[in-house]
Amino acid sequence: MAQYSGSHPGNLILLHGGAGPQDPSLMGIQKVQNSLKKIGKTASKMLNNMDPIIDVVGYCLLQMEKDPLFNAGIGSALQADGMARVSASLMDGSRQIFSGVASASYISFPSILAKELQKRQARVLTNPGAELLARELNQPINTNLTEKRSKKWLKSLYEDVHNIHNMDTVGCVIKTADGKLIAGSSTGGRGYEYPGRVSDTSSIAGNYSSKFAAIAVTGIGEEIMDDAVAPRIETRIRDGKPLNEATNTTFKEAKNRKRKYGWIAIDKLGNWNISFTTYQMPFIVIGDKKILKEFTVKI
């Protein structure tokens, strides 16, 4: 359980690897941190080279979906029937447009679909629409059954499934030097949940951005939706509260309710906040190609 905050006036990127990493060991967390650093440094260069903000957030999510360390894309957790069903979303704060994929099977990189849906009339899809769009975009149609996830699913057959929480959803929020904001998230879900369960990642409760603030949330999705975490923080900022005050109030509410989630948040002025009520949540903050803050592994 922790909170971090700061401010940076230029280009700013925040990434998180989830509020409950699938490998909580010292080595496992360090591998996640190294991956976040690599992705963040390249993304920061893209932003400084004036690449469109939507391309930068798309790059960050896609790289995490390609890395089996994360519960997203090819590293996704499996539901109770042994299927991976992925969710992802983007919200462009300048246009205040949300798009996403909800609990879609046979999709490897849902963030690519979420990005494309920013331009479509139907902006949130599940199957069969998600699979049809993936084929249209020449994206792979796979089951996402990695050996590690399959073994974990088999082990889950003999455990108390109510105590299994894969909360390592990934997320990214970005602010450009001129104040544009965007938020993106991607996940494979909690793991061993009821088939077809829909994650908060495919809703504004877990991913929201406007011209005032951008927030990406991770943790137990049902609790995130119950508390409408991302729009709750954004509304407080929109109504005039400073980002730190808005996030502190939300953090206190989460602790009082014994919630298990965390977020990365940023406002148009470059103020940023990272909070989580879980034991740990890998993250990195990069401003104009410089690492401003990163998660310190707890032993």
Protein backbone atom coordinates (compact mmCIF):
# COMPACT_ATOMS: atom_id res chain seq x y z
CA MET A 1 0.00 0.00 0.00
CA ALA A 2 1.58 3.27 -1.08
CA GLN A 3 1.20 6.63 -2.78
CA TYR A 4 3.64 8.60 -4.91
CA SER A 5 3.24 11.97 -6.59
CA GLY A 6 5.16 14.59 -8.49
CA SER A 7 5.00 17.10 -11.32
CA HIS A 8 6.66 17.57 -14.69
CA PRO A 9 5.77 20.32 -17.21
CA GLY A 10 6.91 18.57 -20.42
CA ASN A 11 6.10 15.25 -22.05
CA LEU A 12 5.18 12.68 -19.41
CA ILE A 13 4.51 8.93 -19.51
CA LEU A 14 3.31 6.70 -16.66
CA LEU A 15 3.22 2.91 -17.04
CA HIS A 16 2.09 0.24 -14.61
CA GLY A 17 2.41 -3.55 -14.71
CA GLY A 18 -0.50 -4.41 -12.44
CA ALA A 19 -1.53 -4.38 -8.78
CA GLY A 20 -0.90 -8.12 -8.34
CA PRO A 21 2.00 -9.36 -10.48
CA GLN A 22 1.77 -13.02 -11.48
CA ASP A 23 5.34 -13.54 -10.25
CA PRO A 24 5.64 -11.54 -6.97
CA SER A 25 9.22 -12.70 -6.29
CA LEU A 26 12.10 -10.23 -6.21
CA MET A 27 13.38 -11.53 -9.55
CA GLY A 28 9.89 -11.55 -11.07
CA ILE A 29 9.19 -7.93 -10.12
CA GLN A 30 12.62 -6.86 -11.35
CA LYS A 31 11.96 -8.45 -14.73
CA VAL A 32 8.69 -6.52 -14.95
CA GLN A 33 10.46 -3.29 -13.98
CA ASN A 34 13.12 -3.83 -16.64
CA SER A 35 10.45 -4.40 -19.26
CA LEU A 36 8.57 -1.24 -18.20
CA LYS A 37 11.80 0.78 -18.42
CA LYS A 38 12.59 -0.45 -21.91
CA ILE A 39 9.08 0.26 -23.17
CA GLY A 40 8.90 3.63 -21.44
CA LYS A 41 12.23 4.87 -22.80
CA THR A 42 11.28 4.08 -26.39
CA ALA A 43 7.83 5.61 -25.91
CA SER A 44 9.40 8.77 -24.50
CA LYS A 45 11.61 9.10 -27.58
CA MET A 46 8.52 8.70 -29.78
CA LEU A 47 6.73 11.44 -27.86
CA ASN A 48 9.71 13.79 -28.06
CA ASN A 49 9.85 13.11 -31.82
CA MET A 50 6.27 14.41 -32.05
CA ASP A 51 4.69 11.03 -32.80
CA PRO A 52 0.89 11.20 -32.31
CA ILE A 53 -0.05 10.53 -28.70
CA ILE A 54 -2.42 7.72 -29.72
CA ASP A 55 0.46 5.94 -31.48
CA VAL A 56 2.60 6.22 -28.36
CA VAL A 57 -0.02 4.78 -26.00
CA GLY A 58 -0.74 2.09 -28.59
CA TYR A 59 2.95 1.19 -28.70
CA CYS A 60 3.16 0.89 -24.90
CA LEU A 61 0.13 -1.38 -24.62
CA LEU A 62 1.17 -3.55 -27.56
CA GLN A 63 4.66 -4.13 -26.15
CA MET A 64 3.20 -5.24 -22.83
CA GLU A 65 0.72 -7.50 -24.63
CA LYS A 66 3.64 -9.12 -26.44
CA ASP A 67 5.53 -9.75 -23.19
CA PRO A 68 4.29 -12.89 -21.34
CA LEU A 69 5.43 -11.34 -18.05
CA PHE A 70 2.21 -9.34 -18.08
CA ASN A 71 -1.41 -10.44 -17.78
CA ALA A 72 -2.33 -9.01 -21.18
CA GLY A 73 -2.27 -10.25 -24.77
CA ILE A 74 -0.24 -13.46 -25.10
CA GLY A 75 0.42 -13.59 -21.33
CA SER A 76 -3.26 -13.46 -20.42
CA ALA A 77 -4.76 -15.41 -17.53
CA LEU A 78 -7.23 -18.20 -18.33
CA GLN A 79 -10.86 -18.28 -17.27
CA ALA A 80 -12.45 -21.29 -15.56
CA ASP A 81 -13.07 -23.07 -18.88
CA GLY A 82 -9.40 -22.75 -19.88
CA MET A 83 -9.97 -19.92 -22.38
CA ALA A 84 -8.19 -16.57 -22.44
CA ARG A 85 -10.60 -13.68 -22.94
CA VAL A 86 -8.91 -10.33 -23.28
CA SER A 87 -10.03 -6.75 -22.81
CA ALA A 88 -8.42 -3.44 -23.70
CA SER A 89 -9.44 0.18 -24.02
CA LEU A 90 -8.20 3.61 -25.04
CA MET A 91 -9.64 7.00 -24.17
CA ASP A 92 -8.48 10.08 -26.02
CA GLY A 93 -8.87 12.98 -23.61
CA SER A 94 -8.77 15.71 -26.26
CA ARG A 95 -11.79 14.25 -28.04
CA GLN A 96 -13.16 12.48 -24.94
CA ILE A 97 -13.74 9.31 -26.96
CA PHE A 98 -13.63 5.84 -25.41
CA SER A 99 -13.06 2.65 -27.42
CA GLY A 100 -12.35 -0.91 -26.46
CA VAL A 101 -12.61 -4.67 -26.68
CA ALA A 102 -14.50 -6.60 -24.01
CA SER A 103 -13.81 -10.22 -23.02
CA ALA A 104 -12.82 -11.28 -26.53
CA SER A 105 -11.42 -14.75 -27.23
CA TYR A 106 -8.82 -15.70 -29.89
CA ILE A 107 -7.39 -12.15 -29.86
CA SER A 108 -3.68 -11.65 -29.14
CA PHE A 109 -3.35 -7.88 -29.22
CA PRO A 110 -6.63 -6.21 -28.22
CA SER A 111 -5.01 -2.76 -27.94
CA ILE A 112 -4.63 -2.67 -31.74
CA LEU A 113 -8.38 -3.17 -32.05
CA ALA A 114 -9.11 -0.56 -29.36
CA LYS A 115 -7.00 1.95 -31.27
CA GLU A 116 -8.76 1.21 -34.57
CA LEU A 117 -12.16 1.54 -32.89
CA GLN A 118 -11.38 5.16 -32.05
CA LYS A 119 -12.27 5.80 -35.70
CA ARG A 120 -15.36 3.56 -35.90
CA GLN A 121 -19.03 4.17 -35.15
CA ALA A 122 -19.27 1.06 -32.93
CA ARG A 123 -16.51 1.71 -30.42
CA VAL A 124 -16.72 -1.21 -27.96
CA LEU A 125 -16.76 -4.77 -29.31
CA THR A 126 -16.79 -8.32 -28.02
CA ASN A 127 -16.92 -11.48 -30.12
CA PRO A 128 -17.87 -12.10 -32.86
CA GLY A 129 -17.19 -8.47 -33.79
CA ALA A 130 -13.74 -8.37 -32.16
CA GLU A 131 -12.60 -11.46 -34.05
CA LEU A 132 -14.01 -10.11 -37.32
CA LEU A 133 -12.16 -6.82 -36.80
CA ALA A 134 -8.92 -8.67 -35.97
CA ARG A 135 -9.19 -10.59 -39.24
CA GLU A 136 -9.90 -7.36 -41.11
CA LEU A 137 -6.73 -5.86 -39.63
CA ASN A 138 -4.72 -9.03 -40.40
CA GLN A 139 -4.12 -9.65 -36.70
CA PRO A 140 -3.37 -13.18 -35.39
CA ILE A 141 -6.28 -15.31 -34.19
CA ASN A 142 -4.87 -17.36 -31.30
CA THR A 143 -5.93 -19.01 -28.05
CA ASN A 144 -3.09 -17.35 -26.07
CA LEU A 145 -2.37 -20.58 -24.18
CA THR A 146 1.17 -20.18 -22.88
CA GLU A 147 2.78 -23.04 -20.99
CA LYS A 148 3.05 -20.98 -17.81
CA ARG A 149 -0.59 -19.91 -17.86
CA SER A 150 -1.77 -23.44 -18.70
CA LYS A 151 0.14 -24.88 -15.73
CA LYS A 152 -1.27 -22.20 -13.45
CA TRP A 153 -4.78 -22.97 -14.68
CA LEU A 154 -4.31 -26.70 -14.01
CA LYS A 155 -3.07 -25.91 -10.50
CA SER A 156 -6.14 -23.75 -9.97
CA LEU A 157 -8.36 -26.78 -10.47
CA TYR A 158 -7.26 -28.02 -7.04
CA GLU A 159 -7.27 -24.68 -5.19
CA ASP A 160 -9.87 -22.36 -3.70
CA VAL A 161 -10.75 -20.36 -6.80
CA HIS A 162 -12.17 -17.53 -4.69
CA ASN A 163 -8.66 -16.69 -3.53
CA ILE A 164 -7.14 -16.48 -7.00
CA HIS A 165 -6.61 -12.93 -8.20
CA ASN A 166 -4.42 -12.13 -11.20
CA MET A 167 -4.47 -8.36 -10.94
CA ASP A 168 -1.57 -7.64 -13.24
CA THR A 169 -3.58 -5.63 -15.78
CA VAL A 170 -1.31 -3.18 -17.63
CA GLY A 171 -1.90 0.51 -18.15
CA CYS A 172 -0.48 3.73 -19.56
CA VAL A 173 -1.34 7.42 -19.22
CA ILE A 174 0.39 10.13 -21.22
CA LYS A 175 0.53 13.92 -21.25
CA THR A 176 2.17 15.90 -24.04
CA ALA A 177 4.03 19.15 -23.42
CA ASP A 178 1.01 21.07 -24.75
CA GLY A 179 -1.40 19.33 -22.37
CA LYS A 180 -2.99 16.57 -24.46
CA LEU A 181 -4.00 13.52 -22.40
CA ILE A 182 -4.71 9.87 -23.15
CA ALA A 183 -5.24 6.68 -21.13
CA GLY A 184 -4.97 3.02 -22.13
CA SER A 185 -5.34 -0.37 -20.42
CA SER A 186 -5.16 -4.05 -21.38
CA THR A 187 -5.83 -7.24 -19.42
CA GLY A 188 -6.45 -10.95 -19.45
CA GLY A 189 -8.74 -10.73 -16.42
CA ARG A 190 -8.57 -12.17 -12.90
CA GLY A 191 -7.87 -15.77 -13.86
CA TYR A 192 -10.13 -18.80 -13.33
CA GLU A 193 -13.19 -16.56 -13.24
CA TYR A 194 -16.63 -17.52 -14.55
CA PRO A 195 -16.44 -17.86 -18.35
CA GLY A 196 -17.39 -14.62 -20.08
CA ARG A 197 -16.74 -12.41 -17.06
CA VAL A 198 -16.10 -8.84 -18.25
CA SER A 199 -13.24 -6.77 -16.86
CA ASP A 200 -13.36 -3.15 -15.70
CA THR A 201 -10.66 -2.51 -18.34
CA SER A 202 -13.33 -2.45 -21.03
CA SER A 203 -15.29 0.21 -19.13
CA ILE A 204 -14.71 3.82 -18.13
CA ALA A 205 -14.56 2.68 -14.48
CA GLY A 206 -11.06 1.36 -15.15
CA ASN A 207 -9.85 3.67 -17.90
CA TYR A 208 -10.84 7.30 -18.38
CA SER A 209 -9.41 10.47 -19.88
CA SER A 210 -10.58 13.99 -20.61
CA LYS A 211 -8.96 17.38 -21.16
CA PHE A 212 -8.59 17.58 -17.36
CA ALA A 213 -7.03 14.24 -16.38
CA ALA A 214 -6.19 10.69 -17.46
CA ILE A 215 -6.47 7.66 -15.16
CA ALA A 216 -5.77 3.95 -15.68
CA VAL A 217 -6.79 1.54 -12.90
CA THR A 218 -5.75 -2.02 -12.04
CA GLY A 219 -6.85 -4.51 -9.39
CA ILE A 220 -10.05 -6.41 -8.62
CA GLY A 221 -12.32 -5.32 -11.45
CA GLU A 222 -15.61 -5.73 -9.63
CA GLU A 223 -14.42 -3.37 -6.89
CA ILE A 224 -13.15 -0.88 -9.47
CA MET A 225 -16.55 -0.87 -11.20
CA ASP A 226 -18.43 -0.63 -7.89
CA ASP A 227 -16.43 2.48 -7.01
CA ALA A 228 -16.25 3.95 -10.56
CA VAL A 229 -12.63 4.74 -9.74
CA ALA A 230 -11.30 6.45 -12.88
CA PRO A 231 -14.28 8.78 -13.52
CA ARG A 232 -14.56 9.45 -9.78
CA ILE A 233 -11.00 10.83 -9.73
CA GLU A 234 -11.49 12.72 -13.02
CA THR A 235 -14.74 14.31 -11.85
CA ARG A 236 -13.11 15.58 -8.67
CA ILE A 237 -10.34 17.18 -10.75
CA ARG A 238 -12.85 18.53 -13.30
CA ASP A 239 -14.78 20.11 -10.41
CA GLY A 240 -11.68 22.00 -9.32
CA LYS A 241 -9.82 19.82 -6.84
CA PRO A 242 -6.03 19.53 -7.30
CA LEU A 243 -4.95 16.08 -8.52
CA ASN A 244 -3.31 15.17 -5.20
CA GLU A 245 -6.42 16.10 -3.24
CA ALA A 246 -8.65 14.14 -5.64
CA THR A 247 -6.46 11.03 -5.48
CA ASN A 248 -5.91 11.25 -1.70
CA THR A 249 -9.66 11.34 -1.10
CA THR A 250 -10.18 8.34 -3.40
CA PHE A 251 -7.29 6.49 -1.75
CA LYS A 252 -8.80 7.01 1.72
CA GLU A 253 -12.15 5.73 0.47
CA ALA A 254 -10.47 2.63 -0.99
CA LYS A 255 -8.65 1.89 2.29
CA ASN A 256 -11.83 2.33 4.33
CA ARG A 257 -13.65 -0.10 2.04
CA LYS A 258 -10.69 -2.53 2.13
CA ARG A 259 -10.45 -2.41 -1.66
CA LYS A 260 -7.67 -4.06 -3.65
CA TYR A 261 -6.76 -1.83 -6.56
CA GLY A 262 -4.42 0.92 -7.71
CA TRP A 263 -4.06 3.57 -10.41
CA ILE A 264 -1.79 5.87 -12.35
CA ALA A 265 -3.16 9.38 -12.88
CA ILE A 266 -2.03 12.60 -14.52
CA ASP A 267 -3.57 16.03 -15.09
CA LYS A 268 -3.18 18.61 -17.85
CA LEU A 269 -0.62 20.57 -15.81
CA GLY A 270 1.72 17.61 -15.50
CA ASN A 271 0.89 16.68 -11.92
CA TRP A 272 0.95 12.91 -11.48
CA ASN A 273 -0.08 10.39 -8.84
CA ILE A 274 0.42 6.67 -8.35
CA SER A 275 -1.56 4.94 -5.61
CA PHE A 276 -2.27 1.32 -4.71
CA THR A 277 -3.84 -0.48 -1.77
CA THR A 278 -2.26 -3.79 -2.74
CA TYR A 279 1.12 -5.06 -1.53
CA GLN A 280 2.93 -3.84 -4.62
CA MET A 281 2.37 -2.42 -8.10
CA PRO A 282 5.31 -2.10 -10.53
CA PHE A 283 5.36 1.28 -12.29
CA ILE A 284 7.59 3.82 -13.98
CA VAL A 285 7.32 7.58 -14.54
CA ILE A 286 9.29 9.09 -17.44
CA GLY A 287 9.47 12.79 -18.26
CA ASP A 288 11.22 13.90 -21.45
CA LYS A 289 13.29 10.68 -21.65
CA LYS A 290 14.33 10.86 -17.97
CA ILE A 291 13.11 8.38 -15.33
CA LEU A 292 11.50 10.50 -12.62
CA LYS A 293 10.26 7.67 -10.40
CA GLU A 294 10.07 3.89 -10.43
CA PHE A 295 8.75 1.17 -8.17
CA THR A 296 11.08 -0.12 -5.48
CA VAL A 297 10.69 -3.83 -4.94
CA LYS A 298 9.56 -4.85 -1.45
CA ILE A 299 11.39 -7.87 -0.04
